[in-house]
Amino acid sequence: MDLTLVVILSILVLIVAVLRGLQALKHTRDTYRGAEPGTGYHEIDATYHSGGGGGGHQTTYRIPRDPQEYAKRFIPKDKPK
């Protein structure tokens, strides 16, 4: 394959990706993302199946709704106060 064709196709793919990204940003500009702060927890179920006759993994994560409690989870436990 000619190098010029590869460069032209690469540039076209990049242009399409940038235009699609701009379109997605414009489409979701006025939508609200995230969750309202409050009490309690969000529960996220993460399930993985490896296929075949069995195997896999299932975990439930509990994420606090309170922003301060959420931030405290990132502070190392051995750090002095």
Protein backbone atom coordinates (compact mmCIF):
# COMPACT_ATOMS: atom_id res chain seq x y z
CA MET A 1 0.00 0.00 0.00
CA ASP A 2 1.27 3.42 -0.88
CA LEU A 3 2.44 5.58 2.04
CA THR A 4 0.51 8.58 0.72
CA LEU A 5 -2.76 6.62 0.84
CA VAL A 6 -2.05 5.54 4.43
CA VAL A 7 -1.38 9.14 5.48
CA ILE A 8 -4.53 10.44 3.76
CA LEU A 9 -6.71 7.72 5.31
CA SER A 10 -5.18 8.34 8.73
CA ILE A 11 -5.93 12.06 8.49
CA LEU A 12 -9.52 11.31 7.39
CA VAL A 13 -10.02 8.96 10.34
CA LEU A 14 -8.67 11.61 12.71
CA ILE A 15 -10.98 14.27 11.25
CA VAL A 16 -14.02 11.99 11.57
CA ALA A 17 -13.10 11.16 15.19
CA VAL A 18 -12.72 14.84 16.12
CA LEU A 19 -16.00 15.77 14.43
CA ARG A 20 -17.80 12.92 16.18
CA GLY A 21 -16.37 14.01 19.53
CA LEU A 22 -17.53 17.59 18.97
CA GLN A 23 -20.98 16.33 18.02
CA ALA A 24 -21.19 14.24 21.20
CA LEU A 25 -20.14 17.22 23.34
CA LYS A 26 -22.74 19.43 21.70
CA HIS A 27 -25.46 16.81 22.13
CA THR A 28 -24.79 16.27 25.86
CA ARG A 29 -24.03 19.89 26.78
CA ASP A 30 -27.25 20.53 28.75
CA THR A 31 -27.65 17.10 30.30
CA TYR A 32 -26.93 16.50 33.97
CA ARG A 33 -24.29 13.93 34.80
CA GLY A 34 -23.53 12.39 38.14
CA ALA A 35 -25.70 11.93 41.19
CA GLU A 36 -27.14 14.27 43.77
CA PRO A 37 -25.25 14.31 47.09
CA GLY A 38 -27.10 12.77 50.00
CA THR A 39 -27.00 9.98 52.52
CA GLY A 40 -26.66 6.30 51.88
CA TYR A 41 -24.75 4.51 49.17
CA HIS A 42 -24.84 3.78 45.47
CA GLU A 43 -24.49 0.07 44.82
CA ILE A 44 -22.63 -1.00 41.70
CA ASP A 45 -22.80 -4.63 40.65
CA ALA A 46 -19.73 -5.76 38.72
CA THR A 47 -20.16 -9.22 37.25
CA TYR A 48 -17.63 -11.01 35.06
CA HIS A 49 -18.29 -14.32 33.30
CA SER A 50 -15.34 -16.02 31.68
CA GLY A 51 -17.56 -18.17 29.49
CA GLY A 52 -17.53 -21.88 29.11
CA GLY A 53 -18.66 -24.22 31.84
CA GLY A 54 -18.31 -21.82 34.70
CA GLY A 55 -16.02 -19.36 36.28
CA GLY A 56 -16.22 -15.67 36.62
CA HIS A 57 -16.47 -13.16 39.41
CA GLN A 58 -19.17 -11.06 41.03
CA THR A 59 -18.60 -8.07 43.29
CA THR A 60 -20.83 -5.32 44.63
CA TYR A 61 -19.24 -1.95 45.33
CA ARG A 62 -20.84 0.48 47.78
CA ILE A 63 -20.02 4.11 46.94
CA PRO A 64 -21.10 6.76 49.48
CA ARG A 65 -23.38 9.54 48.21
CA ASP A 66 -21.82 12.06 50.60
CA PRO A 67 -18.91 13.83 48.82
CA GLN A 68 -16.90 14.24 52.05
CA GLU A 69 -17.20 10.56 52.95
CA TYR A 70 -16.28 9.63 49.38
CA ALA A 71 -13.16 11.82 49.52
CA LYS A 72 -12.07 10.27 52.83
CA ARG A 73 -11.71 6.90 51.10
CA PHE A 74 -8.75 8.23 49.13
CA ILE A 75 -6.73 9.24 52.20
CA PRO A 76 -4.26 6.52 53.23
CA LYS A 77 -5.13 4.95 56.57
CA ASP A 78 -1.56 5.17 57.87
CA LYS A 79 -1.30 8.94 57.28
CA PRO A 80 -1.08 10.90 60.56
CA LYS A 81 -3.75 13.51 61.20
